[in-house]
Amino acid sequence: MRIYQIVMIGFIALLAALAGGCSRMTAEVEAEVRQSFGIPADMPLKDLGELEFRAGTPKRVRLGAGKSCTITASVLTNASVQFNLLYESSGEVIEGVKTQPYSERSQVVLSPRLLASAMKTKSWLCFPPLRPHFVVAMQPTFIP
């Protein structure tokens, strides 16, 4: 083998190890999350896993080809934390029809008590359904 092939194999192995290290839902956890948030079984769930947020610093997560979410956490005057999500699609195929570029906003506000509880128990947070009817779920860690 040539040196660049060895380096490439090492790089691919590193990427696989990093991708496998992300905390994702098991089937049992997904069923619990769906039940607790009232998400229908036929509605797709985008699992972002564990994400760390700093106040006012946006975090961009790719959801696939031409699709992404940008999530920003902000501290409100009553010490609650507001998570703002911006979903952007550069056009996708839904039920065989190509859509136009699209963006949509969603938000969730957690009181200080709920945020502290969620961070202690590593609870899941779900945003309201977005078009084309899917839900984004994550386990947030907030750093003020």
Protein backbone atom coordinates (compact mmCIF):
# COMPACT_ATOMS: atom_id res chain seq x y z
CA MET A 1 0.00 0.00 0.00
CA ARG A 2 1.10 3.50 -0.66
CA ILE A 3 1.39 6.05 2.11
CA TYR A 4 -1.60 8.12 0.96
CA GLN A 5 -3.79 5.00 1.04
CA ILE A 6 -2.71 4.26 4.60
CA VAL A 7 -3.39 7.88 5.62
CA MET A 8 -6.81 7.79 3.92
CA ILE A 9 -7.77 4.54 5.70
CA GLY A 10 -6.69 6.05 9.03
CA PHE A 11 -8.72 9.19 8.35
CA ILE A 12 -11.83 7.16 7.46
CA ALA A 13 -11.40 5.04 10.63
CA LEU A 14 -11.14 8.22 12.72
CA LEU A 15 -14.31 9.64 11.17
CA ALA A 16 -16.15 6.37 11.82
CA ALA A 17 -15.03 6.38 15.46
CA LEU A 18 -16.12 9.99 15.94
CA ALA A 19 -19.49 9.41 14.27
CA GLY A 20 -20.10 6.34 16.41
CA GLY A 21 -19.32 8.30 19.58
CA CYS A 22 -22.29 10.63 19.23
CA SER A 23 -25.13 9.93 21.64
CA ARG A 24 -28.20 8.93 19.66
CA MET A 25 -31.54 7.49 20.67
CA THR A 26 -32.13 3.80 20.99
CA ALA A 27 -35.47 2.44 19.78
CA GLU A 28 -36.74 2.33 23.39
CA VAL A 29 -35.70 5.92 24.10
CA GLU A 30 -37.28 7.08 20.83
CA ALA A 31 -40.56 5.41 21.83
CA GLU A 32 -40.44 7.19 25.22
CA VAL A 33 -39.66 10.57 23.61
CA ARG A 34 -42.48 10.12 21.08
CA GLN A 35 -44.93 9.25 23.86
CA SER A 36 -43.90 12.08 26.21
CA PHE A 37 -44.02 14.74 23.47
CA GLY A 38 -47.07 13.27 21.66
CA ILE A 39 -45.19 12.66 18.40
CA PRO A 40 -47.03 10.27 16.04
CA ALA A 41 -45.18 7.08 15.09
CA ASP A 42 -45.34 7.96 11.38
CA MET A 43 -43.77 11.44 11.82
CA PRO A 44 -40.00 11.49 11.10
CA LEU A 45 -37.80 12.41 14.05
CA LYS A 46 -34.43 14.12 13.42
CA ASP A 47 -32.20 13.09 16.33
CA LEU A 48 -29.40 15.62 16.85
CA GLY A 49 -28.04 13.85 19.94
CA GLU A 50 -26.18 15.76 22.65
CA LEU A 51 -25.44 19.38 21.78
CA GLU A 52 -23.61 21.99 23.86
CA PHE A 53 -24.78 25.59 23.65
CA ARG A 54 -23.24 28.87 24.74
CA ALA A 55 -25.50 31.89 25.15
CA GLY A 56 -25.88 33.75 21.85
CA THR A 57 -23.59 31.44 19.85
CA PRO A 58 -25.40 29.72 16.95
CA LYS A 59 -24.82 26.02 16.33
CA ARG A 60 -25.34 24.73 12.79
CA VAL A 61 -26.24 21.07 12.24
CA ARG A 62 -26.48 19.46 8.78
CA LEU A 63 -29.55 17.26 8.32
CA GLY A 64 -28.67 15.93 4.88
CA ALA A 65 -28.04 17.20 1.38
CA GLY A 66 -29.07 20.86 1.25
CA LYS A 67 -30.81 20.79 4.67
CA SER A 68 -29.60 22.24 7.95
CA CYS A 69 -30.71 23.60 11.31
CA THR A 70 -29.15 26.55 13.08
CA ILE A 71 -29.95 26.62 16.79
CA THR A 72 -29.21 29.54 19.09
CA ALA A 73 -29.74 29.63 22.86
CA SER A 74 -30.46 32.97 24.52
CA VAL A 75 -30.93 33.88 28.18
CA LEU A 76 -34.14 35.86 28.77
CA THR A 77 -34.61 38.52 31.46
CA ASN A 78 -36.42 36.08 33.77
CA ALA A 79 -33.44 33.63 33.57
CA SER A 80 -35.33 31.33 31.22
CA VAL A 81 -33.47 30.02 28.18
CA GLN A 82 -34.95 30.33 24.71
CA PHE A 83 -33.81 27.93 21.99
CA ASN A 84 -34.42 29.32 18.49
CA LEU A 85 -34.22 26.93 15.57
CA LEU A 86 -33.91 27.94 11.92
CA TYR A 87 -34.52 25.09 9.45
CA GLU A 88 -33.22 25.76 5.94
CA SER A 89 -33.64 23.65 2.82
CA SER A 90 -32.17 24.48 -0.57
CA GLY A 91 -34.98 22.46 -2.15
CA GLU A 92 -35.92 18.85 -1.56
CA VAL A 93 -38.17 16.18 -3.04
CA ILE A 94 -41.37 15.60 -1.04
CA GLU A 95 -43.72 12.90 -2.30
CA GLY A 96 -42.07 13.04 -5.72
CA VAL A 97 -42.34 16.83 -6.08
CA LYS A 98 -39.27 19.13 -6.03
CA THR A 99 -39.83 22.03 -3.62
CA GLN A 100 -38.46 25.55 -3.71
CA PRO A 101 -35.77 26.67 -1.24
CA TYR A 102 -37.43 27.00 2.13
CA SER A 103 -36.77 28.17 5.68
CA GLU A 104 -38.83 27.99 8.86
CA ARG A 105 -38.33 29.11 12.46
CA SER A 106 -39.33 27.40 15.68
CA GLN A 107 -38.59 28.05 19.33
CA VAL A 108 -38.78 26.48 22.76
CA VAL A 109 -38.48 28.34 26.07
CA LEU A 110 -37.35 26.54 29.23
CA SER A 111 -37.79 28.06 32.68
CA PRO A 112 -34.72 28.00 34.95
CA ARG A 113 -36.22 25.07 36.89
CA LEU A 114 -36.98 23.04 33.75
CA LEU A 115 -33.56 23.78 32.25
CA ALA A 116 -31.76 22.69 35.45
CA SER A 117 -33.84 19.51 35.58
CA ALA A 118 -33.23 18.76 31.89
CA MET A 119 -29.47 19.21 32.24
CA LYS A 120 -29.29 17.02 35.37
CA THR A 121 -31.23 14.15 33.83
CA LYS A 122 -29.94 14.59 30.25
CA SER A 123 -33.55 14.98 29.09
CA TRP A 124 -34.58 15.25 25.48
CA LEU A 125 -35.93 18.52 24.07
CA CYS A 126 -38.20 18.50 21.03
CA PHE A 127 -39.12 21.45 18.83
CA PRO A 128 -42.67 21.73 17.43
CA PRO A 129 -43.17 19.94 14.08
CA LEU A 130 -41.63 21.64 11.05
CA ARG A 131 -42.57 21.36 7.40
CA PRO A 132 -42.42 18.82 5.76
CA HIS A 133 -43.74 17.45 9.04
CA PHE A 134 -40.81 16.27 11.09
CA VAL A 135 -39.66 16.90 14.64
CA VAL A 136 -36.15 17.87 15.78
CA ALA A 137 -34.98 16.31 19.08
CA MET A 138 -31.78 16.94 21.05
CA GLN A 139 -30.22 16.70 24.49
CA PRO A 140 -29.04 20.26 25.21
CA THR A 141 -26.30 21.30 27.58
CA PHE A 142 -26.37 25.04 28.21
CA ILE A 143 -23.32 27.06 29.22
CA PRO A 144 -24.22 30.69 30.10
